[in-house]
């Protein structure tokens, strides 16, 4: 007994292109079926979806999903960045400033306290 071949998947752009060419009269159904090795039932189903506008809705839904995935990826990057900053801030010792108006840096720390001139 021969093994069954896996189902072929056709892109949405391919389906729209084929259906628009058939509906515009550029290609005949039989020509499309032979050149692309498609079944008549599959072609009829695609043409029905094309006529009802369902293929366009699928295209819009696919672009919306792509936009959502891009937005999610951007948010995940931002969460990673904020997590790293939070880890850095919680692991470094807190710098205690002598006064609130002094400038301080994590790298250099607070300015040194002034010493008496008599101290040697």
PDB file of N, CA and C in Angstrom:
ATOM      1  N   UNK A   1       0.849  -1.168   0.000  1.00  0.00           N
ATOM      2  CA  UNK A   1       0.000   0.000   0.000  1.00  0.00           C
ATOM      3  C   UNK A   1       0.902   1.241   0.000  1.00  0.00           C
ATOM      4  N   UNK A   2       0.643   2.171  -0.854  1.00  0.00           N
ATOM      5  CA  UNK A   2       1.463   3.375  -0.985  1.00  0.00           C
ATOM      6  C   UNK A   2       1.137   4.352   0.143  1.00  0.00           C
ATOM      7  N   UNK A   3       2.159   5.048   0.567  1.00  0.00           N
ATOM      8  CA  UNK A   3       1.966   6.037   1.628  1.00  0.00           C
ATOM      9  C   UNK A   3       1.267   7.266   1.055  1.00  0.00           C
ATOM     10  N   UNK A   4       0.417   7.875   1.866  1.00  0.00           N
ATOM     11  CA  UNK A   4      -0.303   9.069   1.416  1.00  0.00           C
ATOM     12  C   UNK A   4       0.607  10.277   1.497  1.00  0.00           C
ATOM     13  N   UNK A   5       0.488  11.144   0.545  1.00  0.00           N
ATOM     14  CA  UNK A   5       1.266  12.380   0.540  1.00  0.00           C
ATOM     15  C   UNK A   5       0.633  13.372   1.514  1.00  0.00           C
ATOM     16  N   UNK A   6       1.442  14.206   2.123  1.00  0.00           N
ATOM     17  CA  UNK A   6       0.863  15.221   3.013  1.00  0.00           C
ATOM     18  C   UNK A   6       0.095  16.261   2.194  1.00  0.00           C
ATOM     19  N   UNK A   7      -0.846  16.905   2.837  1.00  0.00           N
ATOM     20  CA  UNK A   7      -1.630  17.925   2.165  1.00  0.00           C
ATOM     21  C   UNK A   7      -0.731  19.098   1.779  1.00  0.00           C
ATOM     22  N   UNK A   8      -1.001  19.632   0.610  1.00  0.00           N
ATOM     23  CA  UNK A   8      -0.279  20.828   0.193  1.00  0.00           C
ATOM     24  C   UNK A   8      -0.994  22.048   0.767  1.00  0.00           C
ATOM     25  N   UNK A   9      -0.232  23.024   1.123  1.00  0.00           N
ATOM     26  CA  UNK A   9      -0.800  24.281   1.611  1.00  0.00           C
ATOM     27  C   UNK A   9      -0.500  25.354   0.577  1.00  0.00           C
ATOM     28  N   UNK A  10      -1.504  26.131   0.258  1.00  0.00           N
ATOM     29  CA  UNK A  10      -1.351  27.207  -0.715  1.00  0.00           C
ATOM     30  C   UNK A  10      -1.500  28.533   0.013  1.00  0.00           C
ATOM     31  N   UNK A  11      -0.647  29.482  -0.345  1.00  0.00           N
ATOM     32  CA  UNK A  11      -0.694  30.783   0.314  1.00  0.00           C
ATOM     33  C   UNK A  11      -1.949  31.536  -0.109  1.00  0.00           C
ATOM     34  N   UNK A  12      -2.319  32.482   0.713  1.00  0.00           N
ATOM     35  CA  UNK A  12      -3.497  33.289   0.441  1.00  0.00           C
ATOM     36  C   UNK A  12      -3.305  34.117  -0.824  1.00  0.00           C
ATOM     37  N   UNK A  13      -2.089  34.613  -1.039  1.00  0.00           N
ATOM     38  CA  UNK A  13      -1.809  35.391  -2.244  1.00  0.00           C
ATOM     39  C   UNK A  13      -1.982  34.526  -3.495  1.00  0.00           C
ATOM     40  N   UNK A  14      -1.558  33.271  -3.427  1.00  0.00           N
ATOM     41  CA  UNK A  14      -1.708  32.349  -4.553  1.00  0.00           C
ATOM     42  C   UNK A  14      -3.183  32.134  -4.860  1.00  0.00           C
ATOM     43  N   UNK A  15      -3.977  31.906  -3.821  1.00  0.00           N
ATOM     44  CA  UNK A  15      -5.415  31.683  -4.015  1.00  0.00           C
ATOM     45  C   UNK A  15      -6.076  32.906  -4.658  1.00  0.00           C
ATOM     46  N   UNK A  16      -5.750  34.089  -4.149  1.00  0.00           N
ATOM     47  CA  UNK A  16      -6.348  35.314  -4.683  1.00  0.00           C
ATOM     48  C   UNK A  16      -5.924  35.529  -6.126  1.00  0.00           C
ATOM     49  N   UNK A  17      -4.647  35.279  -6.416  1.00  0.00           N
ATOM     50  CA  UNK A  17      -4.144  35.460  -7.778  1.00  0.00           C
ATOM     51  C   UNK A  17      -4.861  34.518  -8.751  1.00  0.00           C
ATOM     52  N   UNK A  18      -4.968  33.254  -8.384  1.00  0.00           N
ATOM     53  CA  UNK A  18      -5.622  32.267  -9.248  1.00  0.00           C
ATOM     54  C   UNK A  18      -7.082  32.637  -9.469  1.00  0.00           C
ATOM     55  N   UNK A  19      -7.785  32.964  -8.390  1.00  0.00           N
ATOM     56  CA  UNK A  19      -9.213  33.285  -8.502  1.00  0.00           C
ATOM     57  C   UNK A  19      -9.439  34.554  -9.329  1.00  0.00           C
ATOM     58  N   UNK A  20      -8.612  35.561  -9.140  1.00  0.00           N
ATOM     59  CA  UNK A  20      -8.798  36.794  -9.907  1.00  0.00           C
ATOM     60  C   UNK A  20      -8.510  36.567 -11.382  1.00  0.00           C
ATOM     61  N   UNK A  21      -7.508  35.725 -11.693  1.00  0.00           N
ATOM     62  CA  UNK A  21      -7.208  35.430 -13.097  1.00  0.00           C
ATOM     63  C   UNK A  21      -8.335  34.627 -13.741  1.00  0.00           C
ATOM     64  N   UNK A  22      -8.940  33.704 -13.000  1.00  0.00           N
ATOM     65  CA  UNK A  22     -10.052  32.922 -13.545  1.00  0.00           C
ATOM     66  C   UNK A  22     -11.271  33.817 -13.741  1.00  0.00           C
ATOM     67  N   UNK A  23     -11.581  34.650 -12.740  1.00  0.00           N
ATOM     68  CA  UNK A  23     -12.761  35.506 -12.829  1.00  0.00           C
ATOM     69  C   UNK A  23     -12.601  36.597 -13.899  1.00  0.00           C
ATOM     70  N   UNK A  24     -11.365  37.062 -14.128  1.00  0.00           N
ATOM     71  CA  UNK A  24     -11.157  38.088 -15.157  1.00  0.00           C
ATOM     72  C   UNK A  24     -11.113  37.491 -16.558  1.00  0.00           C
ATOM     73  N   UNK A  25     -10.954  36.190 -16.666  1.00  0.00           N
ATOM     74  CA  UNK A  25     -10.936  35.531 -17.958  1.00  0.00           C
ATOM     75  C   UNK A  25      -9.549  35.348 -18.542  1.00  0.00           C
ATOM     76  N   UNK A  26      -8.513  35.708 -17.796  1.00  0.00           N
ATOM     77  CA  UNK A  26      -7.142  35.527 -18.276  1.00  0.00           C
ATOM     78  C   UNK A  26      -6.799  34.049 -18.421  1.00  0.00           C
ATOM     79  N   UNK A  27      -7.281  33.255 -17.493  1.00  0.00           N
ATOM     80  CA  UNK A  27      -7.025  31.815 -17.509  1.00  0.00           C
ATOM     81  C   UNK A  27      -8.354  31.072 -17.401  1.00  0.00           C
ATOM     82  N   UNK A  28      -8.403  29.896 -18.001  1.00  0.00           N
ATOM     83  CA  UNK A  28      -9.574  29.049 -17.864  1.00  0.00           C
ATOM     84  C   UNK A  28      -9.404  28.109 -16.679  1.00  0.00           C
ATOM     85  N   UNK A  29     -10.517  27.608 -16.176  1.00  0.00           N
ATOM     86  CA  UNK A  29     -10.451  26.701 -15.024  1.00  0.00           C
ATOM     87  C   UNK A  29      -9.630  25.458 -15.334  1.00  0.00           C
ATOM     88  N   UNK A  30      -9.878  24.862 -16.475  1.00  0.00           N
ATOM     89  CA  UNK A  30      -9.156  23.632 -16.819  1.00  0.00           C
ATOM     90  C   UNK A  30      -7.659  23.873 -16.928  1.00  0.00           C
ATOM     91  N   UNK A  31      -7.300  25.009 -17.479  1.00  0.00           N
ATOM     92  CA  UNK A  31      -5.872  25.347 -17.596  1.00  0.00           C
ATOM     93  C   UNK A  31      -5.225  25.477 -16.216  1.00  0.00           C
ATOM     94  N   UNK A  32      -5.918  26.137 -15.312  1.00  0.00           N
ATOM     95  CA  UNK A  32      -5.391  26.310 -13.943  1.00  0.00           C
ATOM     96  C   UNK A  32      -5.291  24.954 -13.248  1.00  0.00           C
ATOM     97  N   UNK A  33      -6.310  24.117 -13.408  1.00  0.00           N
ATOM     98  CA  UNK A  33      -6.310  22.813 -12.751  1.00  0.00           C
ATOM     99  C   UNK A  33      -5.144  21.952 -13.227  1.00  0.00           C
ATOM    100  N   UNK A  34      -4.854  21.994 -14.535  1.00  0.00           N
ATOM    101  CA  UNK A  34      -3.765  21.178 -15.070  1.00  0.00           C
ATOM    102  C   UNK A  34      -2.396  21.741 -14.706  1.00  0.00           C
ATOM    103  N   UNK A  35      -2.221  23.046 -14.849  1.00  0.00           N
ATOM    104  CA  UNK A  35      -0.889  23.627 -14.618  1.00  0.00           C
ATOM    105  C   UNK A  35      -0.486  23.558 -13.148  1.00  0.00           C
ATOM    106  N   UNK A  36      -1.442  23.725 -12.250  1.00  0.00           N
ATOM    107  CA  UNK A  36      -1.110  23.745 -10.822  1.00  0.00           C
ATOM    108  C   UNK A  36      -1.479  22.452 -10.103  1.00  0.00           C
ATOM    109  N   UNK A  37      -1.996  21.468 -10.857  1.00  0.00           N
ATOM    110  CA  UNK A  37      -2.350  20.160 -10.306  1.00  0.00           C
ATOM    111  C   UNK A  37      -3.307  20.304  -9.109  1.00  0.00           C
ATOM    112  N   UNK A  38      -4.417  21.004  -9.361  1.00  0.00           N
ATOM    113  CA  UNK A  38      -5.432  21.235  -8.335  1.00  0.00           C
ATOM    114  C   UNK A  38      -6.670  20.406  -8.652  1.00  0.00           C
ATOM    115  N   UNK A  39      -7.471  20.155  -7.645  1.00  0.00           N
ATOM    116  CA  UNK A  39      -8.725  19.445  -7.871  1.00  0.00           C
ATOM    117  C   UNK A  39      -9.821  20.454  -8.203  1.00  0.00           C
ATOM    118  N   UNK A  40     -10.814  19.995  -8.924  1.00  0.00           N
ATOM    119  CA  UNK A  40     -11.922  20.867  -9.319  1.00  0.00           C
ATOM    120  C   UNK A  40     -12.716  21.329  -8.100  1.00  0.00           C
ATOM    121  N   UNK A  41     -12.859  20.450  -7.125  1.00  0.00           N
ATOM    122  CA  UNK A  41     -13.600  20.825  -5.906  1.00  0.00           C
ATOM    123  C   UNK A  41     -12.873  21.929  -5.137  1.00  0.00           C
ATOM    124  N   UNK A  42     -11.555  21.821  -5.045  1.00  0.00           N
ATOM    125  CA  UNK A  42     -10.774  22.837  -4.349  1.00  0.00           C
ATOM    126  C   UNK A  42     -10.886  24.178  -5.066  1.00  0.00           C
ATOM    127  N   UNK A  43     -10.790  24.132  -6.397  1.00  0.00           N
ATOM    128  CA  UNK A  43     -10.905  25.360  -7.184  1.00  0.00           C
ATOM    129  C   UNK A  43     -12.277  25.990  -7.001  1.00  0.00           C
ATOM    130  N   UNK A  44     -13.315  25.183  -6.991  1.00  0.00           N
ATOM    131  CA  UNK A  44     -14.672  25.697  -6.801  1.00  0.00           C
ATOM    132  C   UNK A  44     -14.839  26.312  -5.416  1.00  0.00           C
ATOM    133  N   UNK A  45     -14.239  25.705  -4.414  1.00  0.00           N
ATOM    134  CA  UNK A  45     -14.311  26.251  -3.056  1.00  0.00           C
ATOM    135  C   UNK A  45     -13.602  27.601  -2.981  1.00  0.00           C
ATOM    136  N   UNK A  46     -12.423  27.698  -3.593  1.00  0.00           N
ATOM    137  CA  UNK A  46     -11.691  28.971  -3.600  1.00  0.00           C
ATOM    138  C   UNK A  46     -12.479  30.052  -4.323  1.00  0.00           C
ATOM    139  N   UNK A  47     -13.066  29.709  -5.448  1.00  0.00           N
ATOM    140  CA  UNK A  47     -13.837  30.702  -6.202  1.00  0.00           C
ATOM    141  C   UNK A  47     -15.063  31.164  -5.401  1.00  0.00           C
ATOM    142  N   UNK A  48     -15.706  30.258  -4.690  1.00  0.00           N
ATOM    143  CA  UNK A  48     -16.823  30.649  -3.831  1.00  0.00           C
ATOM    144  C   UNK A  48     -16.387  31.594  -2.734  1.00  0.00           C
ATOM    145  N   UNK A  49     -15.261  31.290  -2.105  1.00  0.00           N
ATOM    146  CA  UNK A  49     -14.730  32.175  -1.065  1.00  0.00           C
ATOM    147  C   UNK A  49     -14.345  33.526  -1.653  1.00  0.00           C
ATOM    148  N   UNK A  50     -13.759  33.500  -2.845  1.00  0.00           N
ATOM    149  CA  UNK A  50     -13.352  34.739  -3.509  1.00  0.00           C
ATOM    150  C   UNK A  50     -14.570  35.600  -3.832  1.00  0.00           C
ATOM    151  N   UNK A  51     -15.626  34.971  -4.333  1.00  0.00           N
ATOM    152  CA  UNK A  51     -16.839  35.717  -4.679  1.00  0.00           C
ATOM    153  C   UNK A  51     -17.522  36.303  -3.445  1.00  0.00           C
ATOM    154  N   UNK A  52     -17.492  35.598  -2.346  1.00  0.00           N
ATOM    155  CA  UNK A  52     -18.106  36.090  -1.107  1.00  0.00           C
ATOM    156  C   UNK A  52     -17.207  37.091  -0.375  1.00  0.00           C
ATOM    157  N   UNK A  53     -15.968  37.258  -0.808  1.00  0.00           N
ATOM    158  CA  UNK A  53     -15.040  38.188  -0.167  1.00  0.00           C
ATOM    159  C   UNK A  53     -14.361  37.616   1.055  1.00  0.00           C
ATOM    160  N   UNK A  54     -14.428  36.317   1.250  1.00  0.00           N
ATOM    161  CA  UNK A  54     -13.820  35.704   2.428  1.00  0.00           C
ATOM    162  C   UNK A  54     -12.301  35.662   2.332  1.00  0.00           C
ATOM    163  N   UNK A  55     -11.777  35.581   1.130  1.00  0.00           N
ATOM    164  CA  UNK A  55     -10.313  35.561   0.999  1.00  0.00           C
ATOM    165  C   UNK A  55      -9.720  36.905   1.380  1.00  0.00           C
ATOM    166  N   UNK A  56     -10.437  37.998   1.082  1.00  0.00           N
ATOM    167  CA  UNK A  56      -9.963  39.322   1.469  1.00  0.00           C
ATOM    168  C   UNK A  56      -9.997  39.486   2.983  1.00  0.00           C
ATOM    169  N   UNK A  57     -11.029  38.943   3.625  1.00  0.00           N
ATOM    170  CA  UNK A  57     -11.117  39.019   5.086  1.00  0.00           C
ATOM    171  C   UNK A  57      -9.994  38.229   5.731  1.00  0.00           C
ATOM    172  N   UNK A  58      -9.646  37.086   5.127  1.00  0.00           N
ATOM    173  CA  UNK A  58      -8.529  36.300   5.662  1.00  0.00           C
ATOM    174  C   UNK A  58      -7.235  37.081   5.536  1.00  0.00           C
ATOM    175  N   UNK A  59      -7.074  37.797   4.414  1.00  0.00           N
ATOM    176  CA  UNK A  59      -5.875  38.603   4.215  1.00  0.00           C
ATOM    177  C   UNK A  59      -5.808  39.720   5.256  1.00  0.00           C
ATOM    178  N   UNK A  60      -6.944  40.365   5.523  1.00  0.00           N
ATOM    179  CA  UNK A  60      -6.985  41.420   6.532  1.00  0.00           C
ATOM    180  C   UNK A  60      -6.704  40.853   7.917  1.00  0.00           C
ATOM    181  N   UNK A  61      -7.260  39.672   8.201  1.00  0.00           N
ATOM    182  CA  UNK A  61      -7.013  39.044   9.499  1.00  0.00           C
ATOM    183  C   UNK A  61      -5.547  38.655   9.644  1.00  0.00           C
ATOM    184  N   UNK A  62      -4.940  38.172   8.568  1.00  0.00           N
ATOM    185  CA  UNK A  62      -3.530  37.794   8.622  1.00  0.00           C
ATOM    186  C   UNK A  62      -2.645  39.016   8.851  1.00  0.00           C
ATOM    187  N   UNK A  63      -2.971  40.143   8.221  1.00  0.00           N
ATOM    188  CA  UNK A  63      -2.167  41.351   8.437  1.00  0.00           C
ATOM    189  C   UNK A  63      -2.360  41.884   9.850  1.00  0.00           C
ATOM    190  N   UNK A  64      -3.582  41.753  10.398  1.00  0.00           N
ATOM    191  CA  UNK A  64      -3.822  42.185  11.771  1.00  0.00           C
ATOM    192  C   UNK A  64      -3.026  41.330  12.746  1.00  0.00           C
ATOM    193  N   UNK A  65      -2.983  40.042  12.507  1.00  0.00           N
ATOM    194  CA  UNK A  65      -2.208  39.146  13.363  1.00  0.00           C
ATOM    195  C   UNK A  65      -0.727  39.505  13.292  1.00  0.00           C
ATOM    196  N   UNK A  66      -0.235  39.812  12.098  1.00  0.00           N
ATOM    197  CA  UNK A  66       1.170  40.192  11.948  1.00  0.00           C
ATOM    198  C   UNK A  66       1.470  41.480  12.707  1.00  0.00           C
ATOM    199  N   UNK A  67       0.542  42.438  12.663  1.00  0.00           N
ATOM    200  CA  UNK A  67       0.727  43.682  13.418  1.00  0.00           C
ATOM    201  C   UNK A  67       0.757  43.406  14.918  1.00  0.00           C
ATOM    202  N   UNK A  68      -0.154  42.550  15.385  1.00  0.00           N
ATOM    203  CA  UNK A  68      -0.184  42.205  16.806  1.00  0.00           C
ATOM    204  C   UNK A  68       1.115  41.515  17.230  1.00  0.00           C
ATOM    205  N   UNK A  69       1.603  40.610  16.399  1.00  0.00           N
ATOM    206  CA  UNK A  69       2.848  39.908  16.741  1.00  0.00           C
ATOM    207  C   UNK A  69       4.020  40.874  16.816  1.00  0.00           C
ATOM    208  N   UNK A  70       4.073  41.848  15.913  1.00  0.00           N
ATOM    209  CA  UNK A  70       5.143  42.845  15.955  1.00  0.00           C
ATOM    210  C   UNK A  70       5.036  43.700  17.215  1.00  0.00           C
ATOM    211  N   UNK A  71       3.814  44.064  17.592  1.00  0.00           N
ATOM    212  CA  UNK A  71       3.613  44.865  18.801  1.00  0.00           C
ATOM    213  C   UNK A  71       3.987  44.064  20.047  1.00  0.00           C
ATOM    214  N   UNK A  72       3.628  42.800  20.073  1.00  0.00           N
ATOM    215  CA  UNK A  72       3.977  41.934  21.199  1.00  0.00           C
ATOM    216  C   UNK A  72       5.486  41.795  21.316  1.00  0.00           C
ATOM    217  N   UNK A  73       6.174  41.635  20.195  1.00  0.00           N
ATOM    218  CA  UNK A  73       7.626  41.513  20.219  1.00  0.00           C
ATOM    219  C   UNK A  73       8.268  42.787  20.762  1.00  0.00           C
ATOM    220  N   UNK A  74       7.744  43.950  20.371  1.00  0.00           N
ATOM    221  CA  UNK A  74       8.276  45.217  20.878  1.00  0.00           C
ATOM    222  C   UNK A  74       8.050  45.330  22.385  1.00  0.00           C
ATOM    223  N   UNK A  75       6.881  44.918  22.839  1.00  0.00           N
ATOM    224  CA  UNK A  75       6.605  44.968  24.277  1.00  0.00           C
ATOM    225  C   UNK A  75       7.485  43.995  25.053  1.00  0.00           C
ATOM    226  N   UNK A  76       7.742  42.816  24.492  1.00  0.00           N
ATOM    227  CA  UNK A  76       8.619  41.851  25.157  1.00  0.00           C
ATOM    228  C   UNK A  76      10.040  42.394  25.268  1.00  0.00           C
ATOM    229  N   UNK A  77      10.510  43.093  24.216  1.00  0.00           N
ATOM    230  CA  UNK A  77      11.841  43.707  24.291  1.00  0.00           C
ATOM    231  C   UNK A  77      11.885  44.760  25.386  1.00  0.00           C
ATOM    232  N   UNK A  78      10.829  45.570  25.475  1.00  0.00           N
ATOM    233  CA  UNK A  78      10.781  46.625  26.492  1.00  0.00           C
ATOM    234  C   UNK A  78      10.746  46.020  27.897  1.00  0.00           C
ATOM    235  N   UNK A  79       9.984  44.955  28.085  1.00  0.00           N
ATOM    236  CA  UNK A  79       9.934  44.280  29.388  1.00  0.00           C
ATOM    237  C   UNK A  79      11.316  43.736  29.747  1.00  0.00           C
ATOM    238  N   UNK A  80      12.011  43.156  28.776  1.00  0.00           N
ATOM    239  CA  UNK A  80      13.363  42.649  29.027  1.00  0.00           C
ATOM    240  C   UNK A  80      14.307  43.759  29.433  1.00  0.00           C
ATOM    241  N   UNK A  81      14.218  44.893  28.730  1.00  0.00           N
ATOM    242  CA  UNK A  81      15.073  46.032  29.058  1.00  0.00           C
ATOM    243  C   UNK A  81      14.788  46.541  30.467  1.00  0.00           C
ATOM    244  N   UNK A  82      13.513  46.694  30.805  1.00  0.00           N
ATOM    245  CA  UNK A  82      13.149  47.190  32.130  1.00  0.00           C
ATOM    246  C   UNK A  82      13.537  46.193  33.227  1.00  0.00           C
ATOM    247  N   UNK A  83      13.441  44.897  32.939  1.00  0.00           N
ATOM    248  CA  UNK A  83      13.852  43.883  33.903  1.00  0.00           C
ATOM    249  C   UNK A  83      15.346  43.972  34.173  1.00  0.00           C
ATOM    250  N   UNK A  84      16.127  44.157  33.111  1.00  0.00           N
ATOM    251  CA  UNK A  84      17.581  44.287  33.292  1.00  0.00           C
ATOM    252  C   UNK A  84      17.915  45.537  34.110  1.00  0.00           C
ATOM    253  N   UNK A  85      17.233  46.653  33.828  1.00  0.00           N
ATOM    254  CA  UNK A  85      17.477  47.873  34.591  1.00  0.00           C
ATOM    255  C   UNK A  85      17.096  47.686  36.053  1.00  0.00           C
ATOM    256  N   UNK A  86      15.989  47.015  36.308  1.00  0.00           N
ATOM    257  CA  UNK A  86      15.550  46.771  37.677  1.00  0.00           C
ATOM    258  C   UNK A  86      16.543  45.883  38.412  1.00  0.00           C
ATOM    259  N   UNK A  87      17.034  44.836  37.751  1.00  0.00           N
ATOM    260  CA  UNK A  87      18.038  43.966  38.362  1.00  0.00           C
ATOM    261  C   UNK A  87      19.301  44.743  38.695  1.00  0.00           C
ATOM    262  N   UNK A  88      19.725  45.619  37.800  1.00  0.00           N
ATOM    263  CA  UNK A  88      20.921  46.416  38.042  1.00  0.00           C
ATOM    264  C   UNK A  88      20.724  47.328  39.242  1.00  0.00           C
ATOM    265  N   UNK A  89      19.560  47.959  39.313  1.00  0.00           N
ATOM    266  CA  UNK A  89      19.310  48.883  40.417  1.00  0.00           C
ATOM    267  C   UNK A  89      19.161  48.171  41.754  1.00  0.00           C
ATOM    268  N   UNK A  90      18.604  46.969  41.757  1.00  0.00           N
ATOM    269  CA  UNK A  90      18.433  46.271  43.033  1.00  0.00           C
ATOM    270  C   UNK A  90      19.739  45.614  43.492  1.00  0.00           C
ATOM    271  N   UNK A  91      20.642  45.298  42.592  1.00  0.00           N
ATOM    272  CA  UNK A  91      21.884  44.636  42.979  1.00  0.00           C
ATOM    273  C   UNK A  91      22.981  45.617  43.362  1.00  0.00           C
ATOM    274  N   UNK A  92      22.923  46.848  42.902  1.00  0.00           N
ATOM    275  CA  UNK A  92      23.954  47.826  43.256  1.00  0.00           C
ATOM    276  C   UNK A  92      23.609  48.442  44.602  1.00  0.00           C
ATOM    277  N   UNK A  93      24.626  48.717  45.417  1.00  0.00           N
ATOM    278  CA  UNK A  93      24.346  49.333  46.719  1.00  0.00           C
ATOM    279  C   UNK A  93      23.790  50.739  46.524  1.00  0.00           C
ATOM    280  N   UNK A  94      22.898  51.085  47.397  1.00  0.00           N
ATOM    281  CA  UNK A  94      22.299  52.413  47.312  1.00  0.00           C
ATOM    282  C   UNK A  94      23.320  53.443  47.766  1.00  0.00           C
ATOM    283  N   UNK A  95      23.430  54.498  46.999  1.00  0.00           N
ATOM    284  CA  UNK A  95      24.366  55.571  47.335  1.00  0.00           C
ATOM    285  C   UNK A  95      23.661  56.571  48.238  1.00  0.00           C
ATOM    286  N   UNK A  96      24.252  56.834  49.363  1.00  0.00           N
ATOM    287  CA  UNK A  96      23.667  57.787  50.286  1.00  0.00           C
ATOM    288  C   UNK A  96      24.356  59.119  50.066  1.00  0.00           C
ATOM    289  N   UNK A  97      23.587  60.091  49.708  1.00  0.00           N
ATOM    290  CA  UNK A  97      24.122  61.406  49.418  1.00  0.00           C
ATOM    291  C   UNK A  97      24.138  62.249  50.691  1.00  0.00           C
ATOM    292  N   UNK A  98      25.150  63.097  50.783  1.00  0.00           N
ATOM    293  CA  UNK A  98      25.256  63.975  51.936  1.00  0.00           C
ATOM    294  C   UNK A  98      24.123  64.989  51.907  1.00  0.00           C
ATOM    295  N   UNK A  99      23.856  65.549  50.754  1.00  0.00           N
ATOM    296  CA  UNK A  99      22.731  66.473  50.631  1.00  0.00           C
ATOM    297  C   UNK A  99      21.978  66.144  49.349  1.00  0.00           C
ATOM    298  N   UNK A 100      20.764  66.617  49.268  1.00  0.00           N
ATOM    299  CA  UNK A 100      19.930  66.289  48.112  1.00  0.00           C
ATOM    300  C   UNK A 100      20.376  67.007  46.838  1.00  0.00           C
ATOM    301  N   UNK A 101      21.107  68.130  46.961  1.00  0.00           N
ATOM    302  CA  UNK A 101      21.469  68.880  45.773  1.00  0.00           C
ATOM    303  C   UNK A 101      22.781  68.393  45.153  1.00  0.00           C
ATOM    304  N   UNK A 102      23.434  67.409  45.744  1.00  0.00           N
ATOM    305  CA  UNK A 102      24.677  66.876  45.177  1.00  0.00           C
ATOM    306  C   UNK A 102      24.378  65.970  44.001  1.00  0.00           C
ATOM    307  N   UNK A 103      25.222  66.051  42.988  1.00  0.00           N
ATOM    308  CA  UNK A 103      25.098  65.159  41.850  1.00  0.00           C
ATOM    309  C   UNK A 103      25.794  63.849  42.174  1.00  0.00           C
ATOM    310  N   UNK A 104      25.222  62.761  41.715  1.00  0.00           N
ATOM    311  CA  UNK A 104      25.774  61.450  41.990  1.00  0.00           C
ATOM    312  C   UNK A 104      25.656  60.605  40.743  1.00  0.00           C
ATOM    313  N   UNK A 105      26.525  59.612  40.650  1.00  0.00           N
ATOM    314  CA  UNK A 105      26.502  58.701  39.520  1.00  0.00           C
ATOM    315  C   UNK A 105      26.755  57.302  40.037  1.00  0.00           C
ATOM    316  N   UNK A 106      26.170  56.307  39.367  1.00  0.00           N
ATOM    317  CA  UNK A 106      26.415  54.920  39.758  1.00  0.00           C
ATOM    318  C   UNK A 106      27.880  54.571  39.546  1.00  0.00           C
ATOM    319  N   UNK A 107      28.489  55.145  38.525  1.00  0.00           N
ATOM    320  CA  UNK A 107      29.875  54.815  38.206  1.00  0.00           C
ATOM    321  C   UNK A 107      30.846  55.490  39.166  1.00  0.00           C
ATOM    322  N   UNK A 108      30.696  56.795  39.368  1.00  0.00           N
ATOM    323  CA  UNK A 108      31.670  57.513  40.182  1.00  0.00           C
ATOM    324  C   UNK A 108      31.250  57.678  41.638  1.00  0.00           C
ATOM    325  N   UNK A 109      29.972  57.530  41.932  1.00  0.00           N
ATOM    326  CA  UNK A 109      29.497  57.679  43.297  1.00  0.00           C
ATOM    327  C   UNK A 109      29.363  59.144  43.674  1.00  0.00           C
ATOM    328  N   UNK A 110      29.098  59.411  44.960  1.00  0.00           N
ATOM    329  CA  UNK A 110      28.942  60.806  45.382  1.00  0.00           C
ATOM    330  C   UNK A 110      30.299  61.498  45.423  1.00  0.00           C
ATOM    331  N   UNK A 111      30.260  62.804  45.415  1.00  0.00           N
ATOM    332  CA  UNK A 111      31.505  63.577  45.516  1.00  0.00           C
ATOM    333  C   UNK A 111      32.128  63.364  46.890  1.00  0.00           C
ATOM    334  N   UNK A 112      33.454  63.409  46.959  1.00  0.00           N
ATOM    335  CA  UNK A 112      34.092  63.233  48.281  1.00  0.00           C
ATOM    336  C   UNK A 112      33.775  64.417  49.197  1.00  0.00           C
ATOM    337  N   UNK A 113      33.693  64.119  50.493  1.00  0.00           N
ATOM    338  CA  UNK A 113      33.397  65.156  51.474  1.00  0.00           C
ATOM    339  C   UNK A 113      34.620  66.059  51.622  1.00  0.00           C
ATOM    340  N   UNK A 114      34.377  67.363  51.773  1.00  0.00           N
ATOM    341  CA  UNK A 114      35.518  68.273  51.949  1.00  0.00           C
ATOM    342  C   UNK A 114      36.192  68.000  53.295  1.00  0.00           C
ATOM    343  N   UNK A 115      37.509  68.094  53.312  1.00  0.00           N
ATOM    344  CA  UNK A 115      38.248  67.841  54.540  1.00  0.00           C
ATOM    345  C   UNK A 115      38.747  69.139  55.148  1.00  0.00           C
ATOM    346  N   UNK A 116      39.078  69.080  56.425  1.00  0.00           N
ATOM    347  CA  UNK A 116      39.646  70.252  57.073  1.00  0.00           C
ATOM    348  C   UNK A 116      41.035  70.503  56.477  1.00  0.00           C
ATOM    349  N   UNK A 117      41.417  71.767  56.453  1.00  0.00           N
ATOM    350  CA  UNK A 117      42.728  72.070  55.899  1.00  0.00           C
ATOM    351  C   UNK A 117      43.832  71.663  56.870  1.00  0.00           C
ATOM    352  N   UNK A 118      43.481  71.490  58.122  1.00  0.00           N
ATOM    353  CA  UNK A 118      44.482  71.120  59.112  1.00  0.00           C
ATOM    354  C   UNK A 118      44.782  69.620  59.078  1.00  0.00           C
ATOM    355  N   UNK A 119      43.928  68.849  58.478  1.00  0.00           N
ATOM    356  CA  UNK A 119      44.133  67.416  58.454  1.00  0.00           C
ATOM    357  C   UNK A 119      45.248  67.050  57.479  1.00  0.00           C
ATOM    358  N   UNK A 120      46.140  66.167  57.951  1.00  0.00           N
ATOM    359  CA  UNK A 120      47.267  65.778  57.112  1.00  0.00           C
ATOM    360  C   UNK A 120      47.395  64.284  57.094  1.00  0.00           C
TER     361      UNK A 120
END
